[in-house]
């Protein structure tokens, strides 16, 4: 089988082809988009072959296209790849050589490639988060606008309710420029609200069809947005050999610097999707308020020290992701109270008279 290392860019790609013994067969430089690169693969790469490339924007589509042509497709983790194979010289040709050699040695730090539906689900989840950020930015601009004009909010229930937006729209302003600013910000806010609702309707439809999302919502403090983000990014929980690896995947484990008898633990690694980590931290905070079981874990880590509140929150979030992974494995719902242990049957009562009779019979039998 031939080994192909592929360094892919939007308008240019480099290809290194090795035989099964690691001998260089050819180098190819392809100018053009991915369609041209795939055409070169069809025409000039000998069969059968295995291919490796780094994960980047659009890696899922490229993986699907190469999987139709190659015997094996491996997607490398860019961050871990730099740690394994360092070089003073770096260009596209060298990178393609690296990938081919690591694939030949079976030392590629591979990443999980979800299916097309899961990739679309993840994309919609992340897009909602961006919409929420844009909506929050517009609300901040509105508050600054009113504060700059010395106007206090004159409606009960809050500025972002229907009454509040109607009050803001009908607000009499002396300057036409301020009125234009107000109208544009109200239009932006209304449009973003509608976009968020539309995205959430689709996310709710997908979540209702997935039993894992419904299962995780039995945890106090875990809502539909947290549950769907966790399930979408974990994808297949069986790809983790142990539940502990899920915490590492989401970057909730501390950095470690150990040597001899010294072991220093630093801040969390923050690997993996930051959006899921943020949602789980919010769920941990809500779970502390709603569940005595989660609150007991939080308090045990906090040790009655206010300075350890953030440490306890992160530790609780780490605990929650492990619990969620275990629930997806077993299919069991959240149990606020542990199941009581089965009662043991009491030992049979000791009958002194029966014991004496048996002892006498044994002695008689021995004499006979």
Protein backbone atom coordinates (compact mmCIF):
# COMPACT_ATOMS: atom_id res chain seq x y z
CA UNK A 1 0.00 0.00 0.00
CA UNK A 2 1.25 3.48 -0.86
CA UNK A 3 1.43 6.22 1.76
CA UNK A 4 0.35 9.77 0.90
CA UNK A 5 1.03 12.86 3.02
CA UNK A 6 -1.12 15.79 2.02
CA UNK A 7 -0.60 19.41 3.03
CA UNK A 8 -3.80 21.15 1.98
CA UNK A 9 -4.55 24.84 1.50
CA UNK A 10 -7.41 26.69 -0.17
CA UNK A 11 -5.54 27.39 -3.43
CA UNK A 12 -2.46 25.19 -3.25
CA UNK A 13 -1.63 21.67 -2.03
CA UNK A 14 1.53 19.61 -1.64
CA UNK A 15 1.61 15.82 -1.89
CA UNK A 16 4.28 13.31 -0.82
CA UNK A 17 3.91 9.67 -1.95
CA UNK A 18 5.93 6.85 -0.34
CA UNK A 19 5.89 3.15 -1.03
CA UNK A 20 5.33 0.53 1.68
CA UNK A 21 9.07 0.56 2.53
CA UNK A 22 9.19 4.32 3.01
CA UNK A 23 10.97 5.04 -0.27
CA UNK A 24 9.97 8.26 -2.00
CA UNK A 25 7.87 7.68 -5.09
CA UNK A 26 7.11 11.26 -6.10
CA UNK A 27 6.31 14.77 -4.92
CA UNK A 28 3.40 16.64 -6.41
CA UNK A 29 2.61 20.35 -6.20
CA UNK A 30 -0.99 21.15 -7.10
CA UNK A 31 -2.16 24.68 -7.85
CA UNK A 32 -5.88 25.21 -7.56
CA UNK A 33 -8.82 24.53 -5.27
CA UNK A 34 -9.67 21.21 -3.68
CA UNK A 35 -11.50 20.01 -6.78
CA UNK A 36 -8.25 20.21 -8.75
CA UNK A 37 -6.33 18.44 -5.97
CA UNK A 38 -8.87 15.59 -5.94
CA UNK A 39 -8.57 15.31 -9.70
CA UNK A 40 -4.80 14.90 -9.36
CA UNK A 41 -5.35 12.22 -6.73
CA UNK A 42 -7.59 10.34 -9.17
CA UNK A 43 -5.11 10.61 -12.02
CA UNK A 44 -1.62 10.35 -10.52
CA UNK A 45 -1.70 8.61 -7.12
CA UNK A 46 -1.09 4.84 -7.44
CA UNK A 47 -3.56 2.43 -5.82
CA UNK A 48 -4.15 1.27 -3.17
CA UNK A 49 -3.11 4.10 -0.86
CA UNK A 50 -3.59 5.55 2.60
CA UNK A 51 -3.63 9.30 3.09
CA UNK A 52 -3.08 11.70 5.99
CA UNK A 53 -3.71 15.44 6.28
CA UNK A 54 -4.03 18.01 9.06
CA UNK A 55 -7.39 19.08 10.46
CA UNK A 56 -8.37 22.57 9.33
CA UNK A 57 -11.45 24.41 8.10
CA UNK A 58 -13.49 22.03 5.96
CA UNK A 59 -11.62 18.90 7.03
CA UNK A 60 -14.87 16.93 7.26
CA UNK A 61 -15.75 17.46 3.60
CA UNK A 62 -12.22 16.61 2.49
CA UNK A 63 -12.24 13.47 4.64
CA UNK A 64 -15.49 12.32 3.01
CA UNK A 65 -14.12 12.91 -0.49
CA UNK A 66 -10.82 11.12 0.14
CA UNK A 67 -12.59 8.23 1.87
CA UNK A 68 -14.19 7.41 -1.51
CA UNK A 69 -10.73 7.03 -3.05
CA UNK A 70 -8.35 5.80 -0.34
CA UNK A 71 -8.17 2.61 1.69
CA UNK A 72 -7.62 4.62 4.87
CA UNK A 73 -7.92 8.32 5.69
CA UNK A 74 -6.31 9.74 8.84
CA UNK A 75 -6.83 13.34 10.00
CA UNK A 76 -3.98 14.62 12.19
CA UNK A 77 -4.31 16.91 15.21
CA UNK A 78 -2.33 20.08 14.27
CA UNK A 79 -1.31 21.01 17.83
CA UNK A 80 -0.05 17.56 18.79
CA UNK A 81 1.61 17.14 15.40
CA UNK A 82 3.90 20.11 16.04
CA UNK A 83 4.98 18.62 19.36
CA UNK A 84 5.83 15.24 17.82
CA UNK A 85 7.66 16.38 14.69
CA UNK A 86 9.55 19.64 15.11
CA UNK A 87 11.80 21.07 12.45
CA UNK A 88 13.76 24.28 11.86
CA UNK A 89 12.68 24.16 8.25
CA UNK A 90 8.98 24.43 7.50
CA UNK A 91 7.20 24.64 4.16
CA UNK A 92 4.41 22.79 2.39
CA UNK A 93 6.76 20.15 0.95
CA UNK A 94 8.32 19.45 4.36
CA UNK A 95 4.90 19.25 6.01
CA UNK A 96 3.70 16.72 3.44
CA UNK A 97 6.85 14.64 4.11
CA UNK A 98 6.15 14.74 7.86
CA UNK A 99 2.61 13.51 7.43
CA UNK A 100 3.61 10.69 5.12
CA UNK A 101 6.40 9.46 7.43
CA UNK A 102 4.22 9.61 10.54
CA UNK A 103 1.47 7.69 8.74
CA UNK A 104 4.01 5.07 7.66
CA UNK A 105 5.19 4.70 11.28
CA UNK A 106 1.57 4.67 12.55
CA UNK A 107 2.36 7.58 14.88
CA UNK A 108 -0.19 10.11 13.65
CA UNK A 109 -2.11 11.86 16.50
CA UNK A 110 -5.50 11.32 14.88
CA UNK A 111 -8.69 13.26 15.52
CA UNK A 112 -12.25 11.98 15.43
CA UNK A 113 -14.18 12.91 12.29
CA UNK A 114 -17.96 12.94 12.90
CA UNK A 115 -20.53 12.30 10.22
CA UNK A 116 -22.05 14.97 8.01
CA UNK A 117 -25.22 15.30 10.13
CA UNK A 118 -23.26 15.74 13.35
CA UNK A 119 -20.96 18.30 11.72
CA UNK A 120 -24.01 20.29 10.61
CA UNK A 121 -25.46 20.01 14.13
CA UNK A 122 -22.24 21.30 15.67
CA UNK A 123 -22.13 24.14 13.18
CA UNK A 124 -25.65 25.25 14.07
CA UNK A 125 -24.85 25.09 17.80
CA UNK A 126 -21.76 27.26 17.34
CA UNK A 127 -23.66 29.64 15.06
CA UNK A 128 -26.30 30.18 17.74
CA UNK A 129 -23.55 31.11 20.19
CA UNK A 130 -22.26 33.73 17.75
CA UNK A 131 -25.76 35.13 17.30
CA UNK A 132 -26.13 35.38 21.08
CA UNK A 133 -22.84 37.29 21.22
CA UNK A 134 -23.94 39.70 18.51
CA UNK A 135 -27.28 40.25 20.28
CA UNK A 136 -25.50 40.95 23.57
CA UNK A 137 -23.27 43.49 21.78
CA UNK A 138 -26.32 45.34 20.41
CA UNK A 139 -27.93 45.42 23.86
CA UNK A 140 -24.73 46.90 25.29
CA UNK A 141 -24.78 49.58 22.58
CA UNK A 142 -28.38 50.46 23.44
CA UNK A 143 -27.56 50.81 27.13
CA UNK A 144 -24.58 53.03 26.32
CA UNK A 145 -26.76 55.07 23.95
CA UNK A 146 -29.38 55.77 26.63
CA UNK A 147 -26.77 56.47 29.29
CA UNK A 148 -25.01 58.93 26.97
CA UNK A 149 -28.24 60.89 26.60
CA UNK A 150 -29.02 60.72 30.31
CA UNK A 151 -32.25 58.77 29.72
CA UNK A 152 -33.45 56.31 32.33
CA UNK A 153 -35.47 53.27 31.30
CA UNK A 154 -39.10 54.23 31.79
CA UNK A 155 -40.83 50.88 31.51
CA UNK A 156 -41.45 48.11 34.00
CA UNK A 157 -40.33 44.57 33.30
CA UNK A 158 -37.07 45.44 31.58
CA UNK A 159 -35.88 47.06 28.40
CA UNK A 160 -35.78 43.83 26.35
CA UNK A 161 -39.44 42.89 26.72
CA UNK A 162 -42.01 43.82 24.05
CA UNK A 163 -43.09 46.80 26.12
CA UNK A 164 -39.49 47.85 26.58
CA UNK A 165 -38.69 47.70 22.85
CA UNK A 166 -41.93 49.57 22.06
CA UNK A 167 -40.96 52.27 24.58
CA UNK A 168 -37.51 52.55 23.03
CA UNK A 169 -38.96 52.79 19.52
CA UNK A 170 -41.42 55.54 20.51
CA UNK A 171 -38.87 57.53 22.51
CA UNK A 172 -38.84 61.19 21.44
CA UNK A 173 -35.32 62.34 20.60
CA UNK A 174 -34.25 65.88 19.80
CA UNK A 175 -31.46 64.96 17.41
CA UNK A 176 -32.26 63.25 14.06
CA UNK A 177 -28.84 61.55 14.22
CA UNK A 178 -29.70 59.96 17.56
CA UNK A 179 -33.04 58.82 16.16
CA UNK A 180 -31.30 57.10 13.25
CA UNK A 181 -28.90 55.35 15.63
CA UNK A 182 -31.82 54.22 17.80
CA UNK A 183 -33.83 52.91 14.83
CA UNK A 184 -30.89 50.95 13.41
CA UNK A 185 -30.10 49.36 16.77
CA UNK A 186 -33.77 48.39 17.29
CA UNK A 187 -33.83 46.85 13.80
CA UNK A 188 -30.63 44.91 14.53
CA UNK A 189 -32.03 43.68 17.84
CA UNK A 190 -35.33 42.58 16.30
CA UNK A 191 -33.60 40.78 13.45
CA UNK A 192 -31.19 38.98 15.77
CA UNK A 193 -34.04 37.91 18.06
CA UNK A 194 -35.84 36.34 15.09
CA UNK A 195 -32.65 34.59 13.92
CA UNK A 196 -32.02 33.16 17.38
CA UNK A 197 -35.59 31.88 17.58
CA UNK A 198 -35.30 30.23 14.17
CA UNK A 199 -32.01 28.53 15.05
CA UNK A 200 -33.39 27.35 18.39
CA UNK A 201 -36.48 25.87 16.73
CA UNK A 202 -34.26 23.73 14.54
CA UNK A 203 -32.02 22.77 17.47
CA UNK A 204 -35.08 21.77 19.49
CA UNK A 205 -36.27 19.58 16.63
CA UNK A 206 -32.92 17.80 16.43
CA UNK A 207 -32.68 17.47 20.21
CA UNK A 208 -36.12 15.91 20.56
CA UNK A 209 -35.11 13.22 18.07
CA UNK A 210 -31.95 12.34 20.01
CA UNK A 211 -32.50 10.25 23.18
CA UNK A 212 -29.16 11.34 24.65
CA UNK A 213 -30.24 15.00 24.77
CA UNK A 214 -33.41 14.09 26.65
CA UNK A 215 -31.47 11.82 29.00
CA UNK A 216 -28.95 14.48 30.02
CA UNK A 217 -31.67 17.00 30.82
CA UNK A 218 -32.61 14.89 33.84
CA UNK A 219 -29.51 16.37 35.53
CA UNK A 220 -30.48 19.43 37.62
CA UNK A 221 -29.11 22.56 35.94
CA UNK A 222 -28.54 20.95 32.52
CA UNK A 223 -30.86 22.45 29.92
CA UNK A 224 -31.39 21.65 26.24
CA UNK A 225 -28.55 23.89 25.01
CA UNK A 226 -25.95 22.26 27.30
CA UNK A 227 -27.21 18.74 26.62
CA UNK A 228 -27.21 19.12 22.84
CA UNK A 229 -23.75 20.72 22.78
CA UNK A 230 -22.29 17.92 24.89
CA UNK A 231 -23.90 15.14 22.84
CA UNK A 232 -22.95 16.71 19.50
CA UNK A 233 -19.29 17.16 20.40
CA UNK A 234 -18.90 13.79 22.10
CA UNK A 235 -20.70 12.16 19.15
CA UNK A 236 -19.92 8.52 20.02
CA UNK A 237 -19.11 8.12 23.72
CA UNK A 238 -17.67 4.65 23.06
CA UNK A 239 -14.67 6.21 21.34
CA UNK A 240 -13.39 7.12 24.81
CA UNK A 241 -11.77 4.14 26.51
CA UNK A 242 -12.55 5.59 29.95
CA UNK A 243 -14.96 8.20 31.24
CA UNK A 244 -12.00 10.17 32.64
CA UNK A 245 -10.83 10.92 29.10
CA UNK A 246 -13.93 13.01 28.46
CA UNK A 247 -12.74 15.64 30.95
CA UNK A 248 -9.42 15.82 29.14
CA UNK A 249 -11.19 16.12 25.78
CA UNK A 250 -13.06 19.22 26.97
CA UNK A 251 -9.93 20.75 28.55
CA UNK A 252 -11.16 20.56 32.15
CA UNK A 253 -8.10 18.77 33.56
CA UNK A 254 -5.13 20.71 35.01
CA UNK A 255 -1.79 21.06 33.29
CA UNK A 256 0.84 18.89 34.93
CA UNK A 257 4.57 19.43 35.38
CA UNK A 258 6.01 16.44 37.23
CA UNK A 259 9.62 15.48 37.70
CA UNK A 260 11.04 13.12 40.34
CA UNK A 261 9.30 13.94 43.63
CA UNK A 262 7.89 17.24 42.38
CA UNK A 263 4.39 17.34 40.93
CA UNK A 264 2.96 20.73 40.02
CA UNK A 265 -0.62 21.12 38.78
CA UNK A 266 -1.46 24.34 36.98
CA UNK A 267 -4.49 25.83 35.26
CA UNK A 268 -6.80 23.68 33.16
CA UNK A 269 -5.60 22.87 29.64
CA UNK A 270 -8.61 24.48 27.88
CA UNK A 271 -8.38 21.98 25.03
CA UNK A 272 -11.42 21.13 22.96
CA UNK A 273 -14.51 23.24 22.24
CA UNK A 274 -14.60 26.34 24.43
CA UNK A 275 -18.35 26.78 23.94
CA UNK A 276 -19.17 23.43 25.52
CA UNK A 277 -16.81 24.13 28.41
CA UNK A 278 -18.58 27.44 29.07
CA UNK A 279 -22.01 25.82 28.95
CA UNK A 280 -21.00 23.03 31.32
CA UNK A 281 -19.59 25.57 33.77
CA UNK A 282 -22.92 27.43 33.72
CA UNK A 283 -24.73 24.12 34.24
CA UNK A 284 -22.48 23.36 37.22
CA UNK A 285 -23.39 26.70 38.78
CA UNK A 286 -27.10 26.07 38.24
CA UNK A 287 -26.77 22.48 39.47
CA UNK A 288 -25.23 23.73 42.70
CA UNK A 289 -28.42 25.71 43.35
CA UNK A 290 -30.87 23.00 42.32
CA UNK A 291 -29.32 19.73 43.50
CA UNK A 292 -28.19 18.80 47.00
CA UNK A 293 -25.92 16.14 45.52
CA UNK A 294 -24.08 18.58 43.25
CA UNK A 295 -23.95 21.19 46.02
CA UNK A 296 -22.34 18.64 48.36
CA UNK A 297 -19.62 17.95 45.77
CA UNK A 298 -19.07 21.70 45.27
CA UNK A 299 -18.82 22.37 49.02
CA UNK A 300 -16.43 19.46 49.53
CA UNK A 301 -14.01 20.92 46.99
CA UNK A 302 -14.48 24.48 48.24
CA UNK A 303 -13.59 23.52 51.87
CA UNK A 304 -15.37 26.60 53.28
CA UNK A 305 -12.74 28.79 51.62
CA UNK A 306 -14.19 31.62 49.46
CA UNK A 307 -10.91 31.76 47.58
CA UNK A 308 -11.53 28.29 46.23
CA UNK A 309 -14.92 29.09 44.66
CA UNK A 310 -13.60 29.13 41.07
CA UNK A 311 -11.63 25.95 41.69
CA UNK A 312 -14.75 24.27 43.02
CA UNK A 313 -16.79 25.46 40.03
CA UNK A 314 -14.32 24.02 37.50
CA UNK A 315 -14.06 20.79 39.49
CA UNK A 316 -17.84 20.50 39.51
CA UNK A 317 -17.96 21.08 35.75
CA UNK A 318 -15.35 18.34 35.33
CA UNK A 319 -17.45 16.07 37.52
CA UNK A 320 -20.55 16.81 35.46
CA UNK A 321 -18.97 15.93 32.10
CA UNK A 322 -17.85 12.60 33.51
CA UNK A 323 -21.33 11.97 34.88
CA UNK A 324 -22.89 12.86 31.53
CA UNK A 325 -20.54 10.54 29.67
CA UNK A 326 -21.34 7.72 32.10
CA UNK A 327 -25.07 8.33 31.62
CA UNK A 328 -24.71 8.15 27.83
CA UNK A 329 -22.84 4.87 28.21
CA UNK A 330 -25.35 3.24 30.53
CA UNK A 331 -28.57 4.97 29.48
CA UNK A 332 -29.49 5.61 33.12
CA UNK A 333 -31.20 8.81 34.23
CA UNK A 334 -29.86 11.11 36.95
CA UNK A 335 -30.36 9.80 40.47
CA UNK A 336 -30.49 12.49 43.11
CA UNK A 337 -30.40 9.85 45.86
CA UNK A 338 -28.30 6.72 45.68
CA UNK A 339 -30.26 3.49 45.57
CA UNK A 340 -30.37 1.86 48.99
CA UNK A 341 -28.30 -1.29 49.41
CA UNK A 342 -30.35 -4.49 49.57
CA UNK A 343 -31.12 -5.49 53.13
CA UNK A 344 -29.16 -8.49 54.35
CA UNK A 345 -31.07 -11.42 55.75
CA UNK A 346 -30.44 -11.85 59.50
CA UNK A 347 -28.60 -15.03 60.48
CA UNK A 348 -30.84 -17.87 61.68
CA UNK A 349 -31.53 -18.01 65.41
CA UNK A 350 -29.23 -20.30 67.38
CA UNK A 351 -31.13 -23.22 68.94
CA UNK A 352 -29.15 -24.50 71.97
CA UNK A 353 -31.25 -27.64 72.42
CA UNK A 354 -30.92 -28.66 68.76
CA UNK A 355 -27.17 -28.11 68.88
CA UNK A 356 -26.83 -30.28 72.01
CA UNK A 357 -28.85 -33.08 70.39
CA UNK A 358 -26.66 -33.01 67.24
CA UNK A 359 -23.49 -33.09 69.34
CA UNK A 360 -24.74 -36.11 71.30
CA UNK A 361 -25.60 -38.00 68.13
CA UNK A 362 -22.15 -37.28 66.73
CA UNK A 363 -20.44 -38.68 69.83
CA UNK A 364 -22.62 -41.85 69.72
CA UNK A 365 -21.79 -42.37 66.08
CA UNK A 366 -18.06 -42.06 66.84
CA UNK A 367 -18.28 -44.74 69.56
CA UNK A 368 -20.03 -47.12 67.21
